[in-house]
PDB file of N, CA and C in Angstrom:
ATOM      1  N   UNK A   1     -13.393   5.763 -14.403  1.00  0.00           N
ATOM      2  CA  UNK A   1     -13.807   4.902 -13.310  1.00  0.00           C
ATOM      3  C   UNK A   1     -12.620   4.133 -12.734  1.00  0.00           C
ATOM      4  N   UNK A   2     -11.664   3.744 -13.594  1.00  0.00           N
ATOM      5  CA  UNK A   2     -10.481   3.041 -13.105  1.00  0.00           C
ATOM      6  C   UNK A   2      -9.694   3.904 -12.127  1.00  0.00           C
ATOM      7  N   UNK A   3      -9.615   5.204 -12.392  1.00  0.00           N
ATOM      8  CA  UNK A   3      -8.896   6.116 -11.508  1.00  0.00           C
ATOM      9  C   UNK A   3      -9.561   6.162 -10.134  1.00  0.00           C
ATOM     10  N   UNK A   4     -10.874   6.139 -10.102  1.00  0.00           N
ATOM     11  CA  UNK A   4     -11.606   6.138  -8.840  1.00  0.00           C
ATOM     12  C   UNK A   4     -11.296   4.871  -8.039  1.00  0.00           C
ATOM     13  N   UNK A   5     -11.277   3.725  -8.696  1.00  0.00           N
ATOM     14  CA  UNK A   5     -10.939   2.475  -8.013  1.00  0.00           C
ATOM     15  C   UNK A   5      -9.506   2.516  -7.513  1.00  0.00           C
ATOM     16  N   UNK A   6      -8.620   3.104  -8.296  1.00  0.00           N
ATOM     17  CA  UNK A   6      -7.215   3.255  -7.907  1.00  0.00           C
ATOM     18  C   UNK A   6      -7.115   4.043  -6.606  1.00  0.00           C
ATOM     19  N   UNK A   7      -7.869   5.127  -6.496  1.00  0.00           N
ATOM     20  CA  UNK A   7      -7.867   5.955  -5.293  1.00  0.00           C
ATOM     21  C   UNK A   7      -8.490   5.200  -4.114  1.00  0.00           C
ATOM     22  N   UNK A   8      -9.592   4.513  -4.343  1.00  0.00           N
ATOM     23  CA  UNK A   8     -10.266   3.773  -3.270  1.00  0.00           C
ATOM     24  C   UNK A   8      -9.372   2.655  -2.743  1.00  0.00           C
ATOM     25  N   UNK A   9      -8.774   1.879  -3.644  1.00  0.00           N
ATOM     26  CA  UNK A   9      -7.874   0.800  -3.227  1.00  0.00           C
ATOM     27  C   UNK A   9      -6.668   1.383  -2.505  1.00  0.00           C
ATOM     28  N   UNK A  10      -6.147   2.500  -2.995  1.00  0.00           N
ATOM     29  CA  UNK A  10      -5.024   3.156  -2.327  1.00  0.00           C
ATOM     30  C   UNK A  10      -5.371   3.598  -0.920  1.00  0.00           C
ATOM     31  N   UNK A  11      -6.548   4.179  -0.750  1.00  0.00           N
ATOM     32  CA  UNK A  11      -6.970   4.642   0.581  1.00  0.00           C
ATOM     33  C   UNK A  11      -7.137   3.470   1.536  1.00  0.00           C
ATOM     34  N   UNK A  12      -7.775   2.416   1.092  1.00  0.00           N
ATOM     35  CA  UNK A  12      -7.998   1.250   1.953  1.00  0.00           C
ATOM     36  C   UNK A  12      -6.666   0.562   2.269  1.00  0.00           C
ATOM     37  N   UNK A  13      -5.808   0.408   1.268  1.00  0.00           N
ATOM     38  CA  UNK A  13      -4.507  -0.234   1.490  1.00  0.00           C
ATOM     39  C   UNK A  13      -3.651   0.586   2.441  1.00  0.00           C
ATOM     40  N   UNK A  14      -3.647   1.893   2.288  1.00  0.00           N
ATOM     41  CA  UNK A  14      -2.885   2.750   3.195  1.00  0.00           C
ATOM     42  C   UNK A  14      -3.407   2.677   4.619  1.00  0.00           C
ATOM     43  N   UNK A  15      -4.729   2.667   4.767  1.00  0.00           N
ATOM     44  CA  UNK A  15      -5.324   2.561   6.097  1.00  0.00           C
ATOM     45  C   UNK A  15      -4.992   1.211   6.729  1.00  0.00           C
ATOM     46  N   UNK A  16      -5.117   0.120   5.952  1.00  0.00           N
ATOM     47  CA  UNK A  16      -4.805  -1.209   6.469  1.00  0.00           C
ATOM     48  C   UNK A  16      -3.341  -1.299   6.893  1.00  0.00           C
ATOM     49  N   UNK A  17      -2.449  -0.783   6.061  1.00  0.00           N
ATOM     50  CA  UNK A  17      -1.025  -0.832   6.388  1.00  0.00           C
ATOM     51  C   UNK A  17      -0.737  -0.022   7.641  1.00  0.00           C
ATOM     52  N   UNK A  18      -1.319   1.155   7.764  1.00  0.00           N
ATOM     53  CA  UNK A  18      -1.117   1.972   8.953  1.00  0.00           C
ATOM     54  C   UNK A  18      -1.650   1.299  10.198  1.00  0.00           C
ATOM     55  N   UNK A  19      -2.772   0.631  10.081  1.00  0.00           N
ATOM     56  CA  UNK A  19      -3.365  -0.077  11.211  1.00  0.00           C
ATOM     57  C   UNK A  19      -2.533  -1.304  11.586  1.00  0.00           C
ATOM     58  N   UNK A  20      -2.102  -2.062  10.592  1.00  0.00           N
ATOM     59  CA  UNK A  20      -1.305  -3.258  10.862  1.00  0.00           C
ATOM     60  C   UNK A  20       0.071  -2.915  11.430  1.00  0.00           C
ATOM     61  N   UNK A  21       0.587  -1.766  11.054  1.00  0.00           N
ATOM     62  CA  UNK A  21       1.904  -1.353  11.535  1.00  0.00           C
ATOM     63  C   UNK A  21       1.792  -0.559  12.835  1.00  0.00           C
ATOM     64  N   UNK A  22       0.638  -0.570  13.468  1.00  0.00           N
ATOM     65  CA  UNK A  22       0.368   0.103  14.736  1.00  0.00           C
ATOM     66  C   UNK A  22       0.613   1.599  14.678  1.00  0.00           C
ATOM     67  N   UNK A  23       0.330   2.175  13.521  1.00  0.00           N
ATOM     68  CA  UNK A  23       0.446   3.611  13.401  1.00  0.00           C
ATOM     69  C   UNK A  23      -0.914   4.278  13.394  1.00  0.00           C
ATOM     70  N   UNK A  24      -1.960   3.502  13.223  1.00  0.00           N
ATOM     71  CA  UNK A  24      -3.312   4.026  13.260  1.00  0.00           C
ATOM     72  C   UNK A  24      -3.721   4.783  12.025  1.00  0.00           C
ATOM     73  N   UNK A  25      -2.975   4.683  10.950  1.00  0.00           N
ATOM     74  CA  UNK A  25      -3.314   5.396   9.732  1.00  0.00           C
ATOM     75  C   UNK A  25      -2.680   6.779   9.711  1.00  0.00           C
ATOM     76  N   UNK A  26      -2.825   7.446   8.585  1.00  0.00           N
ATOM     77  CA  UNK A  26      -2.166   8.733   8.370  1.00  0.00           C
ATOM     78  C   UNK A  26      -3.154   9.814   7.970  1.00  0.00           C
ATOM     79  N   UNK A  27      -4.424   9.624   8.244  1.00  0.00           N
ATOM     80  CA  UNK A  27      -5.440  10.541   7.754  1.00  0.00           C
ATOM     81  C   UNK A  27      -5.817  10.139   6.336  1.00  0.00           C
ATOM     82  N   UNK A  28      -6.913  10.647   5.837  1.00  0.00           N
ATOM     83  CA  UNK A  28      -7.413  10.221   4.532  1.00  0.00           C
ATOM     84  C   UNK A  28      -6.412  10.477   3.416  1.00  0.00           C
ATOM     85  N   UNK A  29      -5.887  11.685   3.319  1.00  0.00           N
ATOM     86  CA  UNK A  29      -4.951  12.007   2.244  1.00  0.00           C
ATOM     87  C   UNK A  29      -3.657  11.214   2.398  1.00  0.00           C
ATOM     88  N   UNK A  30      -3.160  11.104   3.621  1.00  0.00           N
ATOM     89  CA  UNK A  30      -1.942  10.328   3.861  1.00  0.00           C
ATOM     90  C   UNK A  30      -2.130   8.861   3.522  1.00  0.00           C
ATOM     91  N   UNK A  31      -3.289   8.295   3.881  1.00  0.00           N
ATOM     92  CA  UNK A  31      -3.583   6.900   3.556  1.00  0.00           C
ATOM     93  C   UNK A  31      -3.629   6.686   2.050  1.00  0.00           C
ATOM     94  N   UNK A  32      -4.223   7.624   1.335  1.00  0.00           N
ATOM     95  CA  UNK A  32      -4.300   7.507  -0.121  1.00  0.00           C
ATOM     96  C   UNK A  32      -2.903   7.523  -0.719  1.00  0.00           C
ATOM     97  N   UNK A  33      -2.067   8.450  -0.259  1.00  0.00           N
ATOM     98  CA  UNK A  33      -0.710   8.559  -0.803  1.00  0.00           C
ATOM     99  C   UNK A  33       0.107   7.313  -0.479  1.00  0.00           C
ATOM    100  N   UNK A  34       0.064   6.867   0.781  1.00  0.00           N
ATOM    101  CA  UNK A  34       0.802   5.666   1.173  1.00  0.00           C
ATOM    102  C   UNK A  34       0.279   4.452   0.412  1.00  0.00           C
ATOM    103  N   UNK A  35      -1.031   4.347   0.246  1.00  0.00           N
ATOM    104  CA  UNK A  35      -1.616   3.215  -0.476  1.00  0.00           C
ATOM    105  C   UNK A  35      -1.255   3.209  -1.950  1.00  0.00           C
ATOM    106  N   UNK A  36      -1.250   4.368  -2.587  1.00  0.00           N
ATOM    107  CA  UNK A  36      -0.895   4.437  -4.012  1.00  0.00           C
ATOM    108  C   UNK A  36       0.580   4.096  -4.197  1.00  0.00           C
ATOM    109  N   UNK A  37       1.437   4.698  -3.375  1.00  0.00           N
ATOM    110  CA  UNK A  37       2.859   4.369  -3.459  1.00  0.00           C
ATOM    111  C   UNK A  37       3.099   2.905  -3.097  1.00  0.00           C
ATOM    112  N   UNK A  38       2.343   2.408  -2.123  1.00  0.00           N
ATOM    113  CA  UNK A  38       2.434   0.996  -1.764  1.00  0.00           C
ATOM    114  C   UNK A  38       1.992   0.085  -2.894  1.00  0.00           C
ATOM    115  N   UNK A  39       0.987   0.516  -3.642  1.00  0.00           N
ATOM    116  CA  UNK A  39       0.550  -0.262  -4.801  1.00  0.00           C
ATOM    117  C   UNK A  39       1.631  -0.342  -5.862  1.00  0.00           C
ATOM    118  N   UNK A  40       2.351   0.747  -6.049  1.00  0.00           N
ATOM    119  CA  UNK A  40       3.451   0.756  -7.020  1.00  0.00           C
ATOM    120  C   UNK A  40       4.573  -0.155  -6.536  1.00  0.00           C
ATOM    121  N   UNK A  41       4.958   0.006  -5.265  1.00  0.00           N
ATOM    122  CA  UNK A  41       6.021  -0.834  -4.696  1.00  0.00           C
ATOM    123  C   UNK A  41       5.592  -2.295  -4.676  1.00  0.00           C
ATOM    124  N   UNK A  42       4.379  -2.558  -4.217  1.00  0.00           N
ATOM    125  CA  UNK A  42       3.874  -3.929  -4.159  1.00  0.00           C
ATOM    126  C   UNK A  42       3.759  -4.572  -5.534  1.00  0.00           C
ATOM    127  N   UNK A  43       3.332  -3.788  -6.523  1.00  0.00           N
ATOM    128  CA  UNK A  43       3.249  -4.300  -7.885  1.00  0.00           C
ATOM    129  C   UNK A  43       4.611  -4.672  -8.429  1.00  0.00           C
ATOM    130  N   UNK A  44       5.603  -3.836  -8.149  1.00  0.00           N
ATOM    131  CA  UNK A  44       6.962  -4.116  -8.602  1.00  0.00           C
ATOM    132  C   UNK A  44       7.493  -5.385  -7.941  1.00  0.00           C
ATOM    133  N   UNK A  45       7.301  -5.490  -6.606  1.00  0.00           N
ATOM    134  CA  UNK A  45       7.769  -6.672  -5.882  1.00  0.00           C
ATOM    135  C   UNK A  45       7.056  -7.931  -6.385  1.00  0.00           C
ATOM    136  N   UNK A  46       5.754  -7.843  -6.595  1.00  0.00           N
ATOM    137  CA  UNK A  46       4.982  -9.000  -7.079  1.00  0.00           C
ATOM    138  C   UNK A  46       5.463  -9.449  -8.452  1.00  0.00           C
ATOM    139  N   UNK A  47       5.768  -8.490  -9.337  1.00  0.00           N
ATOM    140  CA  UNK A  47       6.291  -8.847 -10.662  1.00  0.00           C
ATOM    141  C   UNK A  47       7.649  -9.523 -10.551  1.00  0.00           C
ATOM    142  N   UNK A  48       8.509  -9.010  -9.677  1.00  0.00           N
ATOM    143  CA  UNK A  48       9.846  -9.587  -9.516  1.00  0.00           C
ATOM    144  C   UNK A  48       9.787 -10.999  -8.944  1.00  0.00           C
ATOM    145  N   UNK A  49       8.854 -11.232  -8.044  1.00  0.00           N
ATOM    146  CA  UNK A  49       8.713 -12.550  -7.426  1.00  0.00           C
ATOM    147  C   UNK A  49       7.949 -13.503  -8.350  1.00  0.00           C
ATOM    148  N   UNK A  50       7.156 -12.969  -9.236  1.00  0.00           N
ATOM    149  CA  UNK A  50       6.406 -13.789 -10.175  1.00  0.00           C
ATOM    150  C   UNK A  50       4.989 -14.101  -9.745  1.00  0.00           C
ATOM    151  N   UNK A  51       4.441 -13.279  -8.872  1.00  0.00           N
ATOM    152  CA  UNK A  51       3.050 -13.478  -8.469  1.00  0.00           C
ATOM    153  C   UNK A  51       2.227 -12.305  -8.976  1.00  0.00           C
ATOM    154  N   UNK A  52       0.958 -12.522  -9.094  1.00  0.00           N
ATOM    155  CA  UNK A  52       0.075 -11.455  -9.546  1.00  0.00           C
ATOM    156  C   UNK A  52      -1.228 -11.487  -8.788  1.00  0.00           C
ATOM    157  N   UNK A  53      -1.822 -10.334  -8.649  1.00  0.00           N
ATOM    158  CA  UNK A  53      -3.096 -10.245  -7.956  1.00  0.00           C
ATOM    159  C   UNK A  53      -4.230 -10.162  -8.955  1.00  0.00           C
ATOM    160  N   UNK A  54      -5.189 -11.022  -8.789  1.00  0.00           N
ATOM    161  CA  UNK A  54      -6.358 -11.015  -9.653  1.00  0.00           C
ATOM    162  C   UNK A  54      -7.528 -10.424  -8.896  1.00  0.00           C
ATOM    163  N   UNK A  55      -8.213  -9.519  -9.513  1.00  0.00           N
ATOM    164  CA  UNK A  55      -9.408  -8.959  -8.919  1.00  0.00           C
ATOM    165  C   UNK A  55      -9.125  -7.938  -7.838  1.00  0.00           C
ATOM    166  N   UNK A  56     -10.175  -7.486  -7.231  1.00  0.00           N
ATOM    167  CA  UNK A  56     -10.109  -6.433  -6.225  1.00  0.00           C
ATOM    168  C   UNK A  56      -9.306  -6.861  -4.995  1.00  0.00           C
ATOM    169  N   UNK A  57      -9.557  -8.053  -4.492  1.00  0.00           N
ATOM    170  CA  UNK A  57      -8.868  -8.532  -3.294  1.00  0.00           C
ATOM    171  C   UNK A  57      -7.374  -8.706  -3.560  1.00  0.00           C
ATOM    172  N   UNK A  58      -7.013  -9.243  -4.708  1.00  0.00           N
ATOM    173  CA  UNK A  58      -5.609  -9.421  -5.045  1.00  0.00           C
ATOM    174  C   UNK A  58      -4.871  -8.101  -5.140  1.00  0.00           C
ATOM    175  N   UNK A  59      -5.484  -7.124  -5.785  1.00  0.00           N
ATOM    176  CA  UNK A  59      -4.872  -5.801  -5.891  1.00  0.00           C
ATOM    177  C   UNK A  59      -4.754  -5.140  -4.521  1.00  0.00           C
ATOM    178  N   UNK A  60      -5.768  -5.317  -3.703  1.00  0.00           N
ATOM    179  CA  UNK A  60      -5.751  -4.742  -2.358  1.00  0.00           C
ATOM    180  C   UNK A  60      -4.646  -5.369  -1.511  1.00  0.00           C
ATOM    181  N   UNK A  61      -4.472  -6.684  -1.591  1.00  0.00           N
ATOM    182  CA  UNK A  61      -3.424  -7.359  -0.829  1.00  0.00           C
ATOM    183  C   UNK A  61      -2.030  -6.928  -1.282  1.00  0.00           C
ATOM    184  N   UNK A  62      -1.833  -6.816  -2.576  1.00  0.00           N
ATOM    185  CA  UNK A  62      -0.529  -6.391  -3.096  1.00  0.00           C
ATOM    186  C   UNK A  62      -0.241  -4.950  -2.695  1.00  0.00           C
ATOM    187  N   UNK A  63      -1.233  -4.070  -2.812  1.00  0.00           N
ATOM    188  CA  UNK A  63      -1.040  -2.670  -2.428  1.00  0.00           C
ATOM    189  C   UNK A  63      -0.783  -2.541  -0.932  1.00  0.00           C
ATOM    190  N   UNK A  64      -1.477  -3.320  -0.115  1.00  0.00           N
ATOM    191  CA  UNK A  64      -1.267  -3.284   1.329  1.00  0.00           C
ATOM    192  C   UNK A  64       0.128  -3.792   1.683  1.00  0.00           C
ATOM    193  N   UNK A  65       0.544  -4.872   1.055  1.00  0.00           N
ATOM    194  CA  UNK A  65       1.895  -5.389   1.288  1.00  0.00           C
ATOM    195  C   UNK A  65       2.962  -4.384   0.890  1.00  0.00           C
ATOM    196  N   UNK A  66       2.769  -3.729  -0.239  1.00  0.00           N
ATOM    197  CA  UNK A  66       3.715  -2.702  -0.665  1.00  0.00           C
ATOM    198  C   UNK A  66       3.731  -1.516   0.277  1.00  0.00           C
ATOM    199  N   UNK A  67       2.567  -1.141   0.791  1.00  0.00           N
ATOM    200  CA  UNK A  67       2.499  -0.022   1.734  1.00  0.00           C
ATOM    201  C   UNK A  67       3.206  -0.380   3.039  1.00  0.00           C
ATOM    202  N   UNK A  68       3.088  -1.622   3.470  1.00  0.00           N
ATOM    203  CA  UNK A  68       3.790  -2.060   4.677  1.00  0.00           C
ATOM    204  C   UNK A  68       5.298  -1.984   4.463  1.00  0.00           C
ATOM    205  N   UNK A  69       5.763  -2.446   3.312  1.00  0.00           N
ATOM    206  CA  UNK A  69       7.191  -2.352   2.995  1.00  0.00           C
ATOM    207  C   UNK A  69       7.632  -0.893   2.980  1.00  0.00           C
ATOM    208  N   UNK A  70       6.821  -0.040   2.392  1.00  0.00           N
ATOM    209  CA  UNK A  70       7.132   1.391   2.330  1.00  0.00           C
ATOM    210  C   UNK A  70       7.214   2.001   3.726  1.00  0.00           C
ATOM    211  N   UNK A  71       6.273   1.667   4.594  1.00  0.00           N
ATOM    212  CA  UNK A  71       6.289   2.188   5.962  1.00  0.00           C
ATOM    213  C   UNK A  71       7.531   1.699   6.711  1.00  0.00           C
ATOM    214  N   UNK A  72       7.880   0.417   6.522  1.00  0.00           N
ATOM    215  CA  UNK A  72       9.082  -0.109   7.162  1.00  0.00           C
ATOM    216  C   UNK A  72      10.332   0.634   6.695  1.00  0.00           C
ATOM    217  N   UNK A  73      10.428   0.901   5.398  1.00  0.00           N
ATOM    218  CA  UNK A  73      11.580   1.633   4.872  1.00  0.00           C
ATOM    219  C   UNK A  73      11.652   3.047   5.426  1.00  0.00           C
ATOM    220  N   UNK A  74      10.516   3.717   5.504  1.00  0.00           N
ATOM    221  CA  UNK A  74      10.492   5.087   6.036  1.00  0.00           C
ATOM    222  C   UNK A  74      10.904   5.084   7.503  1.00  0.00           C
ATOM    223  N   UNK A  75      10.426   4.106   8.269  1.00  0.00           N
ATOM    224  CA  UNK A  75      10.803   4.036   9.686  1.00  0.00           C
ATOM    225  C   UNK A  75      12.294   3.757   9.853  1.00  0.00           C
ATOM    226  N   UNK A  76      12.864   2.917   8.987  1.00  0.00           N
ATOM    227  CA  UNK A  76      14.303   2.628   9.050  1.00  0.00           C
ATOM    228  C   UNK A  76      15.122   3.867   8.725  1.00  0.00           C
ATOM    229  N   UNK A  77      14.688   4.637   7.752  1.00  0.00           N
ATOM    230  CA  UNK A  77      15.400   5.845   7.360  1.00  0.00           C
ATOM    231  C   UNK A  77      15.306   6.892   8.453  1.00  0.00           C
ATOM    232  N   UNK A  78      14.133   7.019   9.078  1.00  0.00           N
ATOM    233  CA  UNK A  78      13.957   8.004  10.154  1.00  0.00           C
ATOM    234  C   UNK A  78      14.822   7.679  11.363  1.00  0.00           C
ATOM    235  N   UNK A  79      15.049   6.390  11.648  1.00  0.00           N
ATOM    236  CA  UNK A  79      15.874   5.998  12.790  1.00  0.00           C
ATOM    237  C   UNK A  79      17.351   6.241  12.523  1.00  0.00           C
ATOM    238  N   UNK A  80      17.760   6.170  11.272  1.00  0.00           N
ATOM    239  CA  UNK A  80      19.195   6.299  10.937  1.00  0.00           C
ATOM    240  C   UNK A  80      19.701   7.699  11.040  1.00  0.00           C
TER     241      UNK A  80
END
């Protein structure tokens, strides 16, 4: 069941990040991948800064923030 929540949070976080970054999302599979990778990046950043997400909303916010950072990095690399 935890794996299912991981996928759901990843999909929602990826979609939110794509929408907030004016990209409109990346399709279901793309949103899941961006959200999962964003969750990893966001979790790492949150640990380094010393903050943690409690509950569903906290995990979703951290994953979305990480996905936004990931999208920004990809856009910077594509421009270079």
